[in-house]
Amino acid sequence: MAASPRPVIETRYEQMFSSLEPAEIDACAASTTRGRTARANVCWRPAKFSPGMFMILTGEVTVTQHNAHRASP
């Protein structure tokens, strides 16, 4: 039996959560809006307008996946 395929988040992790060099951050900052967010703030929800991209310069972000068809524990 063939092994099950790896989840997309595993196969594309480096692409989705890349690290930028300081010069790359500076280049992006020239055309972006900087902001801060409070702890436990939701930055984006499915089916809502997305600002396009988030750059996390300091701190941590937890990425979760919600499945409406699965009961909560």
PDB file of N, CA and C in Angstrom:
ATOM      1  N   MET A   1       0.850  -1.188   0.000  1.00  0.00           N
ATOM      2  CA  MET A   1       0.000   0.000   0.000  1.00  0.00           C
ATOM      3  C   MET A   1       0.892   1.247   0.000  1.00  0.00           C
ATOM      4  N   ALA A   2       0.576   2.192  -0.831  1.00  0.00           N
ATOM      5  CA  ALA A   2       1.382   3.412  -0.939  1.00  0.00           C
ATOM      6  C   ALA A   2       1.192   4.295   0.298  1.00  0.00           C
ATOM      7  N   ALA A   3       2.262   4.951   0.672  1.00  0.00           N
ATOM      8  CA  ALA A   3       2.189   5.865   1.812  1.00  0.00           C
ATOM      9  C   ALA A   3       1.296   7.047   1.452  1.00  0.00           C
ATOM     10  N   SER A   4       0.578   7.556   2.431  1.00  0.00           N
ATOM     11  CA  SER A   4      -0.291   8.703   2.165  1.00  0.00           C
ATOM     12  C   SER A   4       0.555   9.941   1.883  1.00  0.00           C
ATOM     13  N   PRO A   5       0.086  10.815   0.991  1.00  0.00           N
ATOM     14  CA  PRO A   5       0.855  12.007   0.648  1.00  0.00           C
ATOM     15  C   PRO A   5       1.004  12.928   1.854  1.00  0.00           C
ATOM     16  N   ARG A   6       2.104  13.658   1.873  1.00  0.00           N
ATOM     17  CA  ARG A   6       2.332  14.599   2.961  1.00  0.00           C
ATOM     18  C   ARG A   6       1.401  15.784   2.811  1.00  0.00           C
ATOM     19  N   PRO A   7       0.943  16.370   3.925  1.00  0.00           N
ATOM     20  CA  PRO A   7       0.078  17.550   3.850  1.00  0.00           C
ATOM     21  C   PRO A   7       0.792  18.699   3.129  1.00  0.00           C
ATOM     22  N   VAL A   8       0.019  19.521   2.444  1.00  0.00           N
ATOM     23  CA  VAL A   8       0.575  20.643   1.690  1.00  0.00           C
ATOM     24  C   VAL A   8       1.435  21.538   2.575  1.00  0.00           C
ATOM     25  N   ILE A   9       1.021  21.775   3.804  1.00  0.00           N
ATOM     26  CA  ILE A   9       1.793  22.666   4.675  1.00  0.00           C
ATOM     27  C   ILE A   9       3.195  22.116   4.915  1.00  0.00           C
ATOM     28  N   GLU A  10       3.346  20.803   4.907  1.00  0.00           N
ATOM     29  CA  GLU A  10       4.680  20.213   5.063  1.00  0.00           C
ATOM     30  C   GLU A  10       5.511  20.376   3.794  1.00  0.00           C
ATOM     31  N   THR A  11       4.907  20.123   2.655  1.00  0.00           N
ATOM     32  CA  THR A  11       5.653  20.175   1.405  1.00  0.00           C
ATOM     33  C   THR A  11       5.973  21.587   0.952  1.00  0.00           C
ATOM     34  N   ARG A  12       5.208  22.580   1.407  1.00  0.00           N
ATOM     35  CA  ARG A  12       5.410  23.959   0.968  1.00  0.00           C
ATOM     36  C   ARG A  12       5.838  24.872   2.118  1.00  0.00           C
ATOM     37  N   TYR A  13       6.252  24.310   3.256  1.00  0.00           N
ATOM     38  CA  TYR A  13       6.569  25.089   4.446  1.00  0.00           C
ATOM     39  C   TYR A  13       7.573  26.203   4.171  1.00  0.00           C
ATOM     40  N   GLU A  14       8.690  25.875   3.528  1.00  0.00           N
ATOM     41  CA  GLU A  14       9.732  26.875   3.265  1.00  0.00           C
ATOM     42  C   GLU A  14       9.213  28.009   2.393  1.00  0.00           C
ATOM     43  N   GLN A  15       8.318  27.687   1.473  1.00  0.00           N
ATOM     44  CA  GLN A  15       7.759  28.716   0.602  1.00  0.00           C
ATOM     45  C   GLN A  15       6.766  29.596   1.354  1.00  0.00           C
ATOM     46  N   MET A  16       5.949  28.998   2.211  1.00  0.00           N
ATOM     47  CA  MET A  16       4.928  29.762   2.940  1.00  0.00           C
ATOM     48  C   MET A  16       5.508  30.551   4.105  1.00  0.00           C
ATOM     49  N   PHE A  17       6.548  30.043   4.740  1.00  0.00           N
ATOM     50  CA  PHE A  17       7.108  30.659   5.933  1.00  0.00           C
ATOM     51  C   PHE A  17       8.595  30.932   5.733  1.00  0.00           C
ATOM     52  N   SER A  18       8.905  31.635   4.672  1.00  0.00           N
ATOM     53  CA  SER A  18      10.305  31.888   4.348  1.00  0.00           C
ATOM     54  C   SER A  18      10.914  32.944   5.259  1.00  0.00           C
ATOM     55  N   SER A  19      12.223  32.909   5.367  1.00  0.00           N
ATOM     56  CA  SER A  19      12.983  33.916   6.112  1.00  0.00           C
ATOM     57  C   SER A  19      13.609  34.869   5.109  1.00  0.00           C
ATOM     58  N   LEU A  20      13.504  36.151   5.387  1.00  0.00           N
ATOM     59  CA  LEU A  20      14.051  37.156   4.485  1.00  0.00           C
ATOM     60  C   LEU A  20      15.324  37.755   5.049  1.00  0.00           C
ATOM     61  N   GLU A  21      16.198  38.145   4.159  1.00  0.00           N
ATOM     62  CA  GLU A  21      17.414  38.857   4.544  1.00  0.00           C
ATOM     63  C   GLU A  21      17.031  40.303   4.884  1.00  0.00           C
ATOM     64  N   PRO A  22      17.826  40.997   5.705  1.00  0.00           N
ATOM     65  CA  PRO A  22      17.506  42.388   6.067  1.00  0.00           C
ATOM     66  C   PRO A  22      17.253  43.297   4.859  1.00  0.00           C
ATOM     67  N   ALA A  23      18.025  43.161   3.799  1.00  0.00           N
ATOM     68  CA  ALA A  23      17.817  43.994   2.598  1.00  0.00           C
ATOM     69  C   ALA A  23      16.460  43.699   1.951  1.00  0.00           C
ATOM     70  N   GLU A  24      16.022  42.436   1.998  1.00  0.00           N
ATOM     71  CA  GLU A  24      14.720  42.074   1.441  1.00  0.00           C
ATOM     72  C   GLU A  24      13.587  42.659   2.275  1.00  0.00           C
ATOM     73  N   ILE A  25      13.751  42.650   3.589  1.00  0.00           N
ATOM     74  CA  ILE A  25      12.750  43.254   4.481  1.00  0.00           C
ATOM     75  C   ILE A  25      12.652  44.745   4.209  1.00  0.00           C
ATOM     76  N   ASP A  26      13.783  45.410   4.075  1.00  0.00           N
ATOM     77  CA  ASP A  26      13.792  46.849   3.775  1.00  0.00           C
ATOM     78  C   ASP A  26      13.095  47.141   2.454  1.00  0.00           C
ATOM     79  N   ALA A  27      13.336  46.323   1.458  1.00  0.00           N
ATOM     80  CA  ALA A  27      12.705  46.523   0.147  1.00  0.00           C
ATOM     81  C   ALA A  27      11.185  46.377   0.244  1.00  0.00           C
ATOM     82  N   CYS A  28      10.725  45.404   1.006  1.00  0.00           N
ATOM     83  CA  CYS A  28       9.284  45.215   1.187  1.00  0.00           C
ATOM     84  C   CYS A  28       8.677  46.358   2.003  1.00  0.00           C
ATOM     85  N   ALA A  29       9.400  46.821   2.988  1.00  0.00           N
ATOM     86  CA  ALA A  29       8.898  47.880   3.877  1.00  0.00           C
ATOM     87  C   ALA A  29       8.639  49.181   3.134  1.00  0.00           C
ATOM     88  N   ALA A  30       9.319  49.385   2.018  1.00  0.00           N
ATOM     89  CA  ALA A  30       9.142  50.620   1.252  1.00  0.00           C
ATOM     90  C   ALA A  30       7.734  50.737   0.665  1.00  0.00           C
ATOM     91  N   SER A  31       7.044  49.620   0.491  1.00  0.00           N
ATOM     92  CA  SER A  31       5.714  49.671  -0.115  1.00  0.00           C
ATOM     93  C   SER A  31       4.651  48.981   0.730  1.00  0.00           C
ATOM     94  N   THR A  32       4.849  48.967   2.043  1.00  0.00           N
ATOM     95  CA  THR A  32       3.892  48.299   2.918  1.00  0.00           C
ATOM     96  C   THR A  32       3.464  49.219   4.054  1.00  0.00           C
ATOM     97  N   THR A  33       2.465  48.769   4.777  1.00  0.00           N
ATOM     98  CA  THR A  33       2.002  49.450   5.973  1.00  0.00           C
ATOM     99  C   THR A  33       2.388  48.594   7.158  1.00  0.00           C
ATOM    100  N   ARG A  34       3.103  49.185   8.097  1.00  0.00           N
ATOM    101  CA  ARG A  34       3.474  48.430   9.296  1.00  0.00           C
ATOM    102  C   ARG A  34       2.391  48.560  10.349  1.00  0.00           C
ATOM    103  N   GLY A  35       2.248  47.535  11.124  1.00  0.00           N
ATOM    104  CA  GLY A  35       1.262  47.552  12.193  1.00  0.00           C
ATOM    105  C   GLY A  35       1.668  46.612  13.301  1.00  0.00           C
ATOM    106  N   ARG A  36       0.959  46.722  14.373  1.00  0.00           N
ATOM    107  CA  ARG A  36       1.159  45.818  15.514  1.00  0.00           C
ATOM    108  C   ARG A  36      -0.170  45.164  15.818  1.00  0.00           C
ATOM    109  N   THR A  37      -0.090  44.029  16.444  1.00  0.00           N
ATOM    110  CA  THR A  37      -1.319  43.354  16.841  1.00  0.00           C
ATOM    111  C   THR A  37      -1.167  42.848  18.268  1.00  0.00           C
ATOM    112  N   ALA A  38      -2.279  42.770  18.930  1.00  0.00           N
ATOM    113  CA  ALA A  38      -2.286  42.321  20.328  1.00  0.00           C
ATOM    114  C   ALA A  38      -2.248  40.796  20.389  1.00  0.00           C
ATOM    115  N   ARG A  39      -1.825  40.298  21.517  1.00  0.00           N
ATOM    116  CA  ARG A  39      -1.802  38.855  21.746  1.00  0.00           C
ATOM    117  C   ARG A  39      -3.217  38.290  21.549  1.00  0.00           C
ATOM    118  N   ALA A  40      -3.294  37.129  20.956  1.00  0.00           N
ATOM    119  CA  ALA A  40      -4.546  36.409  20.708  1.00  0.00           C
ATOM    120  C   ALA A  40      -5.438  37.103  19.681  1.00  0.00           C
ATOM    121  N   ASN A  41      -4.905  38.037  18.914  1.00  0.00           N
ATOM    122  CA  ASN A  41      -5.671  38.691  17.868  1.00  0.00           C
ATOM    123  C   ASN A  41      -5.690  37.802  16.621  1.00  0.00           C
ATOM    124  N   VAL A  42      -6.816  37.708  15.966  1.00  0.00           N
ATOM    125  CA  VAL A  42      -6.929  36.955  14.725  1.00  0.00           C
ATOM    126  C   VAL A  42      -6.566  37.891  13.588  1.00  0.00           C
ATOM    127  N   CYS A  43      -5.554  37.527  12.820  1.00  0.00           N
ATOM    128  CA  CYS A  43      -5.091  38.383  11.723  1.00  0.00           C
ATOM    129  C   CYS A  43      -5.902  38.183  10.449  1.00  0.00           C
ATOM    130  N   TRP A  44      -6.407  36.981  10.238  1.00  0.00           N
ATOM    131  CA  TRP A  44      -7.129  36.699   9.003  1.00  0.00           C
ATOM    132  C   TRP A  44      -8.057  35.525   9.215  1.00  0.00           C
ATOM    133  N   ARG A  45      -9.208  35.568   8.569  1.00  0.00           N
ATOM    134  CA  ARG A  45     -10.173  34.464   8.598  1.00  0.00           C
ATOM    135  C   ARG A  45     -10.545  34.094   7.161  1.00  0.00           C
ATOM    136  N   PRO A  46     -10.834  32.818   6.923  1.00  0.00           N
ATOM    137  CA  PRO A  46     -11.271  32.419   5.579  1.00  0.00           C
ATOM    138  C   PRO A  46     -12.519  33.194   5.154  1.00  0.00           C
ATOM    139  N   ALA A  47     -12.636  33.453   3.867  1.00  0.00           N
ATOM    140  CA  ALA A  47     -13.770  34.153   3.260  1.00  0.00           C
ATOM    141  C   ALA A  47     -13.834  35.631   3.632  1.00  0.00           C
ATOM    142  N   LYS A  48     -12.791  36.164   4.225  1.00  0.00           N
ATOM    143  CA  LYS A  48     -12.710  37.589   4.538  1.00  0.00           C
ATOM    144  C   LYS A  48     -11.643  38.220   3.658  1.00  0.00           C
ATOM    145  N   PHE A  49     -11.730  39.523   3.466  1.00  0.00           N
ATOM    146  CA  PHE A  49     -10.731  40.243   2.675  1.00  0.00           C
ATOM    147  C   PHE A  49      -9.348  40.027   3.283  1.00  0.00           C
ATOM    148  N   SER A  50      -8.392  39.707   2.464  1.00  0.00           N
ATOM    149  CA  SER A  50      -7.021  39.509   2.921  1.00  0.00           C
ATOM    150  C   SER A  50      -6.156  40.676   2.480  1.00  0.00           C
ATOM    151  N   PRO A  51      -5.317  41.191   3.373  1.00  0.00           N
ATOM    152  CA  PRO A  51      -4.423  42.273   2.973  1.00  0.00           C
ATOM    153  C   PRO A  51      -3.320  41.807   2.037  1.00  0.00           C
ATOM    154  N   GLY A  52      -3.213  40.524   1.802  1.00  0.00           N
ATOM    155  CA  GLY A  52      -2.238  40.006   0.851  1.00  0.00           C
ATOM    156  C   GLY A  52      -1.110  39.225   1.487  1.00  0.00           C
ATOM    157  N   MET A  53      -0.387  39.841   2.392  1.00  0.00           N
ATOM    158  CA  MET A  53       0.784  39.172   2.959  1.00  0.00           C
ATOM    159  C   MET A  53       1.056  39.730   4.346  1.00  0.00           C
ATOM    160  N   PHE A  54       1.539  38.883   5.217  1.00  0.00           N
ATOM    161  CA  PHE A  54       1.967  39.313   6.541  1.00  0.00           C
ATOM    162  C   PHE A  54       3.456  39.034   6.667  1.00  0.00           C
ATOM    163  N   MET A  55       4.192  39.975   7.204  1.00  0.00           N
ATOM    164  CA  MET A  55       5.601  39.771   7.535  1.00  0.00           C
ATOM    165  C   MET A  55       5.717  39.875   9.040  1.00  0.00           C
ATOM    166  N   ILE A  56       6.165  38.834   9.674  1.00  0.00           N
ATOM    167  CA  ILE A  56       6.327  38.814  11.124  1.00  0.00           C
ATOM    168  C   ILE A  56       7.768  39.199  11.413  1.00  0.00           C
ATOM    169  N   LEU A  57       7.964  40.404  11.957  1.00  0.00           N
ATOM    170  CA  LEU A  57       9.325  40.880  12.222  1.00  0.00           C
ATOM    171  C   LEU A  57       9.799  40.486  13.614  1.00  0.00           C
ATOM    172  N   THR A  58       8.900  40.486  14.581  1.00  0.00           N
ATOM    173  CA  THR A  58       9.226  40.022  15.926  1.00  0.00           C
ATOM    174  C   THR A  58       8.009  39.310  16.495  1.00  0.00           C
ATOM    175  N   GLY A  59       8.239  38.434  17.415  1.00  0.00           N
ATOM    176  CA  GLY A  59       7.135  37.738  18.057  1.00  0.00           C
ATOM    177  C   GLY A  59       6.841  36.408  17.395  1.00  0.00           C
ATOM    178  N   GLU A  60       5.672  35.892  17.679  1.00  0.00           N
ATOM    179  CA  GLU A  60       5.265  34.575  17.183  1.00  0.00           C
ATOM    180  C   GLU A  60       3.844  34.623  16.664  1.00  0.00           C
ATOM    181  N   VAL A  61       3.549  33.718  15.748  1.00  0.00           N
ATOM    182  CA  VAL A  61       2.207  33.567  15.209  1.00  0.00           C
ATOM    183  C   VAL A  61       1.876  32.089  15.205  1.00  0.00           C
ATOM    184  N   THR A  62       0.671  31.773  15.591  1.00  0.00           N
ATOM    185  CA  THR A  62       0.200  30.400  15.525  1.00  0.00           C
ATOM    186  C   THR A  62      -0.748  30.294  14.345  1.00  0.00           C
ATOM    187  N   VAL A  63      -0.469  29.364  13.452  1.00  0.00           N
ATOM    188  CA  VAL A  63      -1.316  29.133  12.291  1.00  0.00           C
ATOM    189  C   VAL A  63      -2.142  27.890  12.580  1.00  0.00           C
ATOM    190  N   THR A  64      -3.455  28.023  12.510  1.00  0.00           N
ATOM    191  CA  THR A  64      -4.337  26.893  12.780  1.00  0.00           C
ATOM    192  C   THR A  64      -5.226  26.655  11.581  1.00  0.00           C
ATOM    193  N   GLN A  65      -5.781  25.472  11.543  1.00  0.00           N
ATOM    194  CA  GLN A  65      -6.687  25.107  10.456  1.00  0.00           C
ATOM    195  C   GLN A  65      -7.997  24.666  11.076  1.00  0.00           C
ATOM    196  N   HIS A  66      -9.081  25.232  10.597  1.00  0.00           N
ATOM    197  CA  HIS A  66     -10.402  24.879  11.107  1.00  0.00           C
ATOM    198  C   HIS A  66     -11.104  23.978  10.114  1.00  0.00           C
ATOM    199  N   ASN A  67     -11.708  22.932  10.604  1.00  0.00           N
ATOM    200  CA  ASN A  67     -12.473  22.029   9.750  1.00  0.00           C
ATOM    201  C   ASN A  67     -13.907  22.029  10.261  1.00  0.00           C
ATOM    202  N   ALA A  68     -14.813  22.658   9.523  1.00  0.00           N
ATOM    203  CA  ALA A  68     -16.205  22.784   9.958  1.00  0.00           C
ATOM    204  C   ALA A  68     -16.921  21.439  10.026  1.00  0.00           C
ATOM    205  N   HIS A  69     -16.384  20.439   9.363  1.00  0.00           N
ATOM    206  CA  HIS A  69     -17.034  19.124   9.335  1.00  0.00           C
ATOM    207  C   HIS A  69     -16.554  18.201  10.447  1.00  0.00           C
ATOM    208  N   ARG A  70     -15.595  18.647  11.231  1.00  0.00           N
ATOM    209  CA  ARG A  70     -15.057  17.828  12.311  1.00  0.00           C
ATOM    210  C   ARG A  70     -15.516  18.408  13.647  1.00  0.00           C
ATOM    211  N   ALA A  71     -15.993  17.590  14.521  1.00  0.00           N
ATOM    212  CA  ALA A  71     -16.439  18.058  15.836  1.00  0.00           C
ATOM    213  C   ALA A  71     -15.250  18.540  16.654  1.00  0.00           C
ATOM    214  N   SER A  72     -15.461  19.555  17.465  1.00  0.00           N
ATOM    215  CA  SER A  72     -14.414  20.051  18.361  1.00  0.00           C
ATOM    216  C   SER A  72     -14.181  19.036  19.463  1.00  0.00           C
ATOM    217  N   PRO A  73     -12.933  18.958  19.973  1.00  0.00           N
ATOM    218  CA  PRO A  73     -12.648  17.988  21.049  1.00  0.00           C
ATOM    219  C   PRO A  73     -13.349  18.343  22.335  1.00  0.00           C
TER     220      PRO A  73
END
